[in-house]
N, C-alpha and C. Protein backbone atom coordinates (compact mmCIF):
# COMPACT_ATOMS: atom_id res chain seq x y z
N UNK A 1 44.21 20.99 43.98
CA UNK A 1 44.41 21.64 42.68
C UNK A 1 43.78 20.78 41.58
N UNK A 2 43.11 21.43 40.68
CA UNK A 2 42.44 20.75 39.58
C UNK A 2 43.47 20.14 38.63
N UNK A 3 43.20 18.88 38.20
CA UNK A 3 44.11 18.24 37.27
C UNK A 3 44.03 18.91 35.91
N UNK A 4 45.17 19.06 35.27
CA UNK A 4 45.20 19.66 33.94
C UNK A 4 44.50 18.75 32.96
N UNK A 5 43.76 19.37 32.06
CA UNK A 5 43.15 18.66 30.94
C UNK A 5 44.04 18.86 29.73
N UNK A 6 43.87 18.00 28.74
CA UNK A 6 44.68 18.08 27.53
C UNK A 6 43.74 18.14 26.33
N UNK A 7 44.04 19.05 25.41
CA UNK A 7 43.24 19.22 24.20
C UNK A 7 44.14 19.15 22.98
N UNK A 8 43.61 18.56 21.94
CA UNK A 8 44.26 18.51 20.63
C UNK A 8 43.58 19.52 19.74
N UNK A 9 44.36 20.42 19.15
CA UNK A 9 43.81 21.36 18.17
C UNK A 9 44.50 21.13 16.84
N UNK A 10 43.80 21.49 15.77
CA UNK A 10 44.37 21.39 14.44
C UNK A 10 44.35 22.77 13.80
N UNK A 11 45.47 23.17 13.24
CA UNK A 11 45.60 24.47 12.59
C UNK A 11 46.10 24.27 11.18
N UNK A 12 45.66 25.14 10.28
CA UNK A 12 46.14 25.05 8.91
C UNK A 12 46.82 26.34 8.50
N UNK A 13 47.35 26.35 7.30
CA UNK A 13 48.10 27.48 6.79
C UNK A 13 47.28 28.47 5.97
N UNK A 14 45.96 28.38 6.05
CA UNK A 14 45.09 29.32 5.32
C UNK A 14 45.04 30.64 6.06
N UNK A 15 44.73 31.72 5.32
CA UNK A 15 44.61 33.03 5.94
C UNK A 15 43.47 33.01 6.95
N UNK A 16 43.71 33.60 8.12
CA UNK A 16 42.74 33.58 9.20
C UNK A 16 41.53 34.45 8.88
N UNK A 17 40.37 33.87 9.01
CA UNK A 17 39.11 34.59 8.87
C UNK A 17 38.21 34.15 10.00
N UNK A 18 37.62 35.09 10.69
CA UNK A 18 36.72 34.77 11.79
C UNK A 18 35.38 35.44 11.55
N UNK A 19 34.35 34.72 11.88
CA UNK A 19 32.98 35.16 11.60
C UNK A 19 32.69 36.56 12.14
N UNK A 20 33.21 36.87 13.31
CA UNK A 20 32.87 38.15 13.94
C UNK A 20 33.97 39.21 13.79
N UNK A 21 34.81 39.04 12.80
CA UNK A 21 35.83 40.05 12.53
C UNK A 21 36.21 39.99 11.07
N UNK A 22 36.98 40.94 10.64
CA UNK A 22 37.44 40.90 9.26
C UNK A 22 38.55 39.87 9.09
N UNK A 23 38.84 39.56 7.86
CA UNK A 23 39.96 38.65 7.60
C UNK A 23 41.24 39.29 8.10
N UNK A 24 42.08 38.48 8.70
CA UNK A 24 43.35 38.97 9.23
C UNK A 24 44.42 38.61 8.21
N UNK A 25 44.67 39.51 7.29
CA UNK A 25 45.53 39.20 6.15
C UNK A 25 47.00 39.06 6.52
N UNK A 26 47.36 39.40 7.75
CA UNK A 26 48.77 39.29 8.15
C UNK A 26 49.08 37.97 8.83
N UNK A 27 48.09 37.05 8.90
CA UNK A 27 48.34 35.80 9.62
C UNK A 27 47.48 34.65 9.11
N UNK A 28 48.01 33.48 9.29
CA UNK A 28 47.25 32.26 9.01
C UNK A 28 46.70 31.72 10.33
N UNK A 29 45.85 30.72 10.24
CA UNK A 29 45.35 30.09 11.47
C UNK A 29 46.50 29.53 12.30
N UNK A 30 47.47 28.92 11.65
CA UNK A 30 48.61 28.38 12.40
C UNK A 30 49.46 29.51 12.99
N UNK A 31 49.58 30.65 12.29
CA UNK A 31 50.31 31.79 12.83
C UNK A 31 49.67 32.30 14.13
N UNK A 32 48.34 32.23 14.20
CA UNK A 32 47.66 32.70 15.41
C UNK A 32 48.21 31.97 16.63
N UNK A 33 48.44 30.68 16.48
CA UNK A 33 48.98 29.89 17.59
C UNK A 33 50.50 30.05 17.67
N UNK A 34 51.21 29.82 16.58
CA UNK A 34 52.68 29.77 16.58
C UNK A 34 53.35 31.12 16.80
N UNK A 35 52.78 32.19 16.26
CA UNK A 35 53.43 33.51 16.35
C UNK A 35 52.76 34.45 17.34
N UNK A 36 51.41 34.37 17.41
CA UNK A 36 50.66 35.33 18.23
C UNK A 36 50.12 34.70 19.51
N UNK A 37 50.28 33.40 19.66
CA UNK A 37 49.98 32.67 20.89
C UNK A 37 48.53 32.79 21.36
N UNK A 38 47.61 32.59 20.42
CA UNK A 38 46.21 32.45 20.80
C UNK A 38 45.53 31.48 19.85
N UNK A 39 44.44 30.91 20.35
CA UNK A 39 43.59 30.03 19.54
C UNK A 39 42.18 30.57 19.69
N UNK A 40 41.52 30.76 18.57
CA UNK A 40 40.23 31.43 18.56
C UNK A 40 39.17 30.55 17.93
N UNK A 41 37.98 30.57 18.52
CA UNK A 41 36.84 29.84 17.98
C UNK A 41 35.60 30.68 18.24
N UNK A 42 35.14 31.39 17.23
CA UNK A 42 34.04 32.33 17.38
C UNK A 42 32.68 31.69 17.63
N UNK A 43 32.48 30.47 17.18
CA UNK A 43 31.13 29.93 17.16
C UNK A 43 30.92 28.66 17.98
N UNK A 44 31.85 28.28 18.83
CA UNK A 44 31.75 26.98 19.50
C UNK A 44 30.46 26.82 20.27
N UNK A 45 29.93 27.85 20.88
CA UNK A 45 28.76 27.71 21.74
C UNK A 45 27.44 27.86 21.01
N UNK A 46 27.49 28.17 19.73
CA UNK A 46 26.24 28.47 19.05
C UNK A 46 25.87 27.51 17.94
N UNK A 47 26.81 27.06 17.17
CA UNK A 47 26.43 26.34 15.97
C UNK A 47 27.05 24.97 15.79
N UNK A 48 28.24 24.76 16.27
CA UNK A 48 28.99 23.59 15.86
C UNK A 48 29.27 22.65 17.02
N UNK A 49 28.53 21.58 17.13
CA UNK A 49 28.68 20.63 18.24
C UNK A 49 30.04 19.93 18.22
N UNK A 50 30.67 19.83 17.06
CA UNK A 50 31.95 19.13 17.00
C UNK A 50 33.05 19.91 17.71
N UNK A 51 32.83 21.20 17.96
CA UNK A 51 33.81 22.02 18.66
C UNK A 51 33.43 22.27 20.12
N UNK A 52 32.51 21.48 20.65
CA UNK A 52 32.00 21.72 22.00
C UNK A 52 33.10 21.66 23.07
N UNK A 53 34.15 20.90 22.83
CA UNK A 53 35.22 20.80 23.82
C UNK A 53 35.95 22.12 24.04
N UNK A 54 35.83 23.05 23.10
CA UNK A 54 36.45 24.36 23.28
C UNK A 54 35.97 24.99 24.58
N UNK A 55 34.70 24.83 24.88
CA UNK A 55 34.12 25.41 26.10
C UNK A 55 34.57 24.76 27.38
N UNK A 56 35.26 23.64 27.30
CA UNK A 56 35.74 22.93 28.49
C UNK A 56 37.14 23.36 28.91
N UNK A 57 37.80 24.16 28.10
CA UNK A 57 39.18 24.57 28.39
C UNK A 57 39.22 25.48 29.62
N UNK A 58 40.21 25.21 30.47
CA UNK A 58 40.42 26.00 31.69
C UNK A 58 41.87 26.49 31.72
N UNK A 59 42.12 27.46 32.59
CA UNK A 59 43.48 27.96 32.78
C UNK A 59 44.42 26.81 33.12
N UNK A 60 45.61 26.87 32.58
CA UNK A 60 46.70 25.92 32.83
C UNK A 60 46.53 24.58 32.12
N UNK A 61 45.46 24.42 31.32
CA UNK A 61 45.32 23.19 30.55
C UNK A 61 46.40 23.12 29.49
N UNK A 62 46.56 21.96 28.90
CA UNK A 62 47.60 21.69 27.91
C UNK A 62 46.97 21.61 26.54
N UNK A 63 47.60 22.26 25.56
CA UNK A 63 47.12 22.26 24.18
C UNK A 63 48.20 21.63 23.29
N UNK A 64 47.84 20.53 22.64
CA UNK A 64 48.72 19.88 21.67
C UNK A 64 48.29 20.39 20.29
N UNK A 65 49.20 20.95 19.55
CA UNK A 65 48.87 21.52 18.24
C UNK A 65 49.33 20.61 17.11
N UNK A 66 48.37 20.20 16.29
CA UNK A 66 48.69 19.48 15.05
C UNK A 66 48.57 20.48 13.91
N UNK A 67 49.59 20.57 13.06
CA UNK A 67 49.58 21.46 11.90
C UNK A 67 49.34 20.63 10.64
N UNK A 68 48.45 21.10 9.79
CA UNK A 68 48.14 20.39 8.56
C UNK A 68 49.27 20.56 7.55
N UNK A 69 49.14 19.87 6.44
CA UNK A 69 50.24 19.82 5.47
C UNK A 69 50.58 21.17 4.84
N UNK A 70 49.68 22.16 4.91
CA UNK A 70 49.97 23.46 4.30
C UNK A 70 50.57 24.47 5.28
N UNK A 71 51.08 23.99 6.41
CA UNK A 71 51.80 24.85 7.35
C UNK A 71 53.29 24.69 7.06
N UNK A 72 53.91 25.76 6.60
CA UNK A 72 55.26 25.68 6.04
C UNK A 72 56.32 25.15 7.00
N UNK A 73 56.34 25.61 8.24
CA UNK A 73 57.45 25.27 9.12
C UNK A 73 57.30 23.94 9.86
N UNK A 74 56.11 23.34 9.83
CA UNK A 74 55.92 22.03 10.50
C UNK A 74 54.73 21.30 9.88
N UNK A 75 54.81 20.94 8.60
CA UNK A 75 53.67 20.33 7.92
C UNK A 75 53.34 18.93 8.40
N UNK A 76 52.05 18.65 8.53
CA UNK A 76 51.52 17.32 8.86
C UNK A 76 52.17 16.72 10.10
N UNK A 77 52.23 17.52 11.17
CA UNK A 77 52.87 17.01 12.37
C UNK A 77 52.48 17.78 13.62
N UNK A 78 52.77 17.14 14.75
CA UNK A 78 52.70 17.80 16.05
C UNK A 78 54.13 18.22 16.37
N UNK A 79 54.31 19.49 16.60
CA UNK A 79 55.64 20.02 16.93
C UNK A 79 55.61 20.76 18.27
N UNK A 80 54.53 21.53 18.52
CA UNK A 80 54.48 22.40 19.69
C UNK A 80 53.35 22.02 20.65
N UNK A 81 53.63 22.24 21.92
CA UNK A 81 52.66 22.01 22.98
C UNK A 81 52.62 23.28 23.83
N UNK A 82 51.42 23.71 24.17
CA UNK A 82 51.21 24.99 24.85
C UNK A 82 50.47 24.81 26.17
N UNK A 83 50.56 25.84 27.02
CA UNK A 83 49.75 25.94 28.23
C UNK A 83 48.78 27.10 28.04
N UNK A 84 47.58 26.96 28.58
CA UNK A 84 46.58 28.02 28.54
C UNK A 84 46.89 29.00 29.67
N UNK A 85 47.09 30.28 29.31
CA UNK A 85 47.42 31.27 30.33
C UNK A 85 46.29 32.30 30.54
N UNK A 86 45.31 32.33 29.61
CA UNK A 86 44.20 33.27 29.76
C UNK A 86 43.07 32.82 28.85
N UNK A 87 41.86 33.07 29.29
CA UNK A 87 40.67 32.78 28.49
C UNK A 87 39.87 34.07 28.44
N UNK A 88 39.50 34.52 27.23
CA UNK A 88 38.83 35.81 27.15
C UNK A 88 37.76 35.84 26.07
N UNK A 89 36.89 36.82 26.21
CA UNK A 89 35.83 37.04 25.22
C UNK A 89 36.36 37.90 24.09
N UNK A 90 35.68 37.82 22.97
CA UNK A 90 36.05 38.66 21.83
C UNK A 90 35.73 40.11 22.15
N UNK A 91 34.57 40.35 22.73
CA UNK A 91 34.18 41.69 23.15
C UNK A 91 33.20 41.57 24.31
N UNK A 92 32.83 42.67 24.90
CA UNK A 92 31.99 42.66 26.10
C UNK A 92 30.58 42.16 25.84
N UNK A 93 30.12 42.19 24.60
CA UNK A 93 28.76 41.78 24.29
C UNK A 93 28.62 40.27 24.16
N UNK A 94 29.71 39.54 24.10
CA UNK A 94 29.66 38.09 23.91
C UNK A 94 29.58 37.40 25.26
N UNK A 95 28.69 36.46 25.41
CA UNK A 95 28.48 35.75 26.66
C UNK A 95 29.61 34.79 26.98
N UNK A 96 30.11 34.10 25.97
CA UNK A 96 31.09 33.04 26.19
C UNK A 96 32.48 33.48 25.74
N UNK A 97 33.51 32.93 26.41
CA UNK A 97 34.87 33.22 25.94
C UNK A 97 35.14 32.51 24.61
N UNK A 98 35.92 33.14 23.77
CA UNK A 98 36.20 32.58 22.45
C UNK A 98 37.68 32.60 22.08
N UNK A 99 38.50 33.10 22.96
CA UNK A 99 39.94 33.17 22.69
C UNK A 99 40.68 32.58 23.88
N UNK A 100 41.60 31.68 23.59
CA UNK A 100 42.49 31.20 24.64
C UNK A 100 43.89 31.71 24.33
N UNK A 101 44.49 32.32 25.31
CA UNK A 101 45.87 32.81 25.18
C UNK A 101 46.81 31.69 25.62
N UNK A 102 47.90 31.57 24.90
CA UNK A 102 48.79 30.42 25.08
C UNK A 102 50.21 30.84 25.39
N UNK A 103 50.91 29.95 26.04
CA UNK A 103 52.35 30.09 26.25
C UNK A 103 52.99 28.78 25.79
N UNK A 104 54.03 28.89 25.00
CA UNK A 104 54.72 27.69 24.53
C UNK A 104 55.30 26.95 25.74
N UNK A 105 54.88 25.70 25.88
CA UNK A 105 55.40 24.84 26.95
C UNK A 105 56.66 24.14 26.47
N UNK A 106 56.58 23.56 25.27
CA UNK A 106 57.74 22.87 24.70
C UNK A 106 57.53 22.60 23.23
N UNK A 107 58.63 22.53 22.53
CA UNK A 107 58.65 22.05 21.15
C UNK A 107 59.27 20.67 21.19
N UNK A 108 58.65 19.74 20.49
CA UNK A 108 59.23 18.40 20.41
C UNK A 108 60.55 18.47 19.66
N UNK A 109 61.51 17.68 20.06
CA UNK A 109 62.81 17.66 19.40
C UNK A 109 62.68 17.28 17.93
N UNK A 110 61.73 16.42 17.67
CA UNK A 110 61.42 16.04 16.29
C UNK A 110 59.90 16.07 16.16
N UNK A 111 59.41 16.55 15.05
CA UNK A 111 57.97 16.61 14.87
C UNK A 111 57.38 15.21 14.77
N UNK A 112 56.25 15.01 15.41
CA UNK A 112 55.55 13.72 15.33
C UNK A 112 54.64 13.79 14.11
N UNK A 113 55.09 13.21 13.02
CA UNK A 113 54.38 13.30 11.74
C UNK A 113 53.12 12.45 11.75
N UNK A 114 52.23 12.76 10.83
CA UNK A 114 50.93 12.09 10.75
C UNK A 114 51.07 10.57 10.68
N UNK A 115 51.99 10.07 9.87
CA UNK A 115 52.16 8.63 9.76
C UNK A 115 52.57 8.01 11.10
N UNK A 116 53.38 8.71 11.86
CA UNK A 116 53.80 8.23 13.18
C UNK A 116 52.63 8.27 14.16
N UNK A 117 51.86 9.35 14.11
CA UNK A 117 50.67 9.45 14.97
C UNK A 117 49.75 8.26 14.70
N UNK A 118 49.51 7.97 13.43
CA UNK A 118 48.63 6.85 13.07
C UNK A 118 49.20 5.53 13.56
N UNK A 119 50.52 5.34 13.47
CA UNK A 119 51.16 4.12 13.99
C UNK A 119 50.98 4.00 15.49
N UNK A 120 51.20 5.10 16.20
CA UNK A 120 51.08 5.09 17.66
C UNK A 120 49.64 4.81 18.10
N UNK A 121 48.67 5.30 17.34
CA UNK A 121 47.27 4.98 17.63
C UNK A 121 47.02 3.49 17.40
N UNK A 122 47.50 2.97 16.27
CA UNK A 122 47.31 1.55 15.93
C UNK A 122 47.96 0.64 16.99
N UNK A 123 49.07 1.09 17.57
CA UNK A 123 49.77 0.32 18.60
C UNK A 123 49.13 0.48 19.97
N UNK A 124 48.16 1.37 20.07
CA UNK A 124 47.51 1.62 21.36
C UNK A 124 48.29 2.56 22.26
N UNK A 125 49.33 3.17 21.74
CA UNK A 125 50.14 4.09 22.54
C UNK A 125 49.50 5.47 22.63
N UNK A 126 48.73 5.85 21.61
CA UNK A 126 47.94 7.08 21.63
C UNK A 126 46.47 6.70 21.52
N UNK A 127 45.60 7.53 22.08
CA UNK A 127 44.16 7.25 22.06
C UNK A 127 43.59 7.40 20.65
N UNK A 128 42.44 6.81 20.46
CA UNK A 128 41.76 6.86 19.17
C UNK A 128 41.42 8.31 18.77
N UNK A 129 41.23 9.18 19.75
CA UNK A 129 40.92 10.59 19.45
C UNK A 129 42.06 11.27 18.70
N UNK A 130 43.26 10.76 18.85
CA UNK A 130 44.40 11.35 18.15
C UNK A 130 44.32 11.11 16.65
N UNK A 131 43.44 10.21 16.21
CA UNK A 131 43.23 9.99 14.78
C UNK A 131 42.55 11.18 14.12
N UNK A 132 42.07 12.14 14.92
CA UNK A 132 41.49 13.36 14.36
C UNK A 132 42.54 14.18 13.61
N UNK A 133 43.80 13.99 13.93
CA UNK A 133 44.87 14.72 13.24
C UNK A 133 44.75 14.48 11.73
N UNK A 134 44.75 15.56 10.99
CA UNK A 134 44.70 15.46 9.54
C UNK A 134 43.31 15.27 8.96
N UNK A 135 42.29 15.15 9.80
CA UNK A 135 40.92 14.95 9.30
C UNK A 135 40.31 16.29 8.89
N UNK A 136 39.72 16.30 7.75
CA UNK A 136 39.06 17.51 7.25
C UNK A 136 37.91 17.89 8.18
N UNK A 137 37.84 19.16 8.53
CA UNK A 137 36.76 19.66 9.38
C UNK A 137 37.01 19.53 10.86
N UNK A 138 38.14 18.93 11.25
CA UNK A 138 38.44 18.80 12.67
C UNK A 138 39.14 20.05 13.18
N UNK A 139 38.71 20.53 14.35
CA UNK A 139 39.33 21.70 14.96
C UNK A 139 39.89 21.43 16.35
N UNK A 140 39.08 20.80 17.22
CA UNK A 140 39.50 20.63 18.61
C UNK A 140 38.78 19.45 19.25
N UNK A 141 39.47 18.75 20.14
CA UNK A 141 38.83 17.75 20.99
C UNK A 141 39.69 17.52 22.22
N UNK A 142 39.05 17.10 23.29
CA UNK A 142 39.78 16.76 24.50
C UNK A 142 40.37 15.37 24.33
N UNK A 143 41.61 15.23 24.71
CA UNK A 143 42.30 13.93 24.70
C UNK A 143 42.78 13.66 26.12
N UNK A 144 43.45 12.55 26.34
CA UNK A 144 43.89 12.21 27.68
C UNK A 144 45.27 12.73 28.02
N UNK A 145 45.51 12.86 29.30
CA UNK A 145 46.84 13.22 29.78
C UNK A 145 47.86 12.18 29.31
N UNK A 146 47.41 10.95 29.13
CA UNK A 146 48.27 9.88 28.65
C UNK A 146 48.80 10.17 27.24
N UNK A 147 47.97 10.82 26.41
CA UNK A 147 48.43 11.18 25.06
C UNK A 147 49.58 12.18 25.13
N UNK A 148 49.44 13.15 25.98
CA UNK A 148 50.50 14.14 26.19
C UNK A 148 51.78 13.45 26.68
N UNK A 149 51.64 12.59 27.68
CA UNK A 149 52.79 11.90 28.24
C UNK A 149 53.44 10.98 27.21
N UNK A 150 52.63 10.32 26.39
CA UNK A 150 53.18 9.43 25.36
C UNK A 150 53.95 10.22 24.31
N UNK A 151 53.46 11.38 23.92
CA UNK A 151 54.19 12.21 22.95
C UNK A 151 55.54 12.61 23.51
N UNK A 152 55.59 12.96 24.78
CA UNK A 152 56.87 13.32 25.40
C UNK A 152 57.79 12.11 25.45
N UNK A 153 57.25 10.97 25.80
CA UNK A 153 58.04 9.75 25.86
C UNK A 153 58.57 9.38 24.48
N UNK A 154 57.71 9.44 23.47
CA UNK A 154 58.11 9.15 22.10
C UNK A 154 59.23 10.09 21.66
N UNK A 155 59.11 11.36 22.00
CA UNK A 155 60.10 12.34 21.59
C UNK A 155 61.46 12.07 22.23
N UNK A 156 61.47 11.45 23.38
CA UNK A 156 62.72 11.15 24.08
C UNK A 156 63.34 9.82 23.69
N UNK A 157 62.63 9.03 22.88
CA UNK A 157 63.16 7.72 22.46
C UNK A 157 64.34 7.92 21.53
């Protein structure tokens, strides 16, 4: 069986707009993950190299969600962790998948706030890639299984 990969995504509280669809006025980017259980990236394969890890996601992988400060129910923190249950295309004309369907795996008992994430990185308990949390323009990157395990361990302390 293939080992699960772990990805860090960042979501904000702005109204969701996607290049290949109209603005979704009933949801924010964070709502797409928290309420509707999907994460969407319309352009990962065409224009933006910083989002290349989106194309590496496979079924059953783990998604760690960091919410920016404008997400009302969990600002500037990691609160939820998801499993990938489906990968799909936006429509039949698109070559690459652009939507990952998610299932909530667990909510941390306490949100891991940005200052704590930065401390854990400085202590070497989380990888340097976790410093992407809160960075402007960051959307997704692959992190280690150790980061996932450390967040669970930290939450149980």
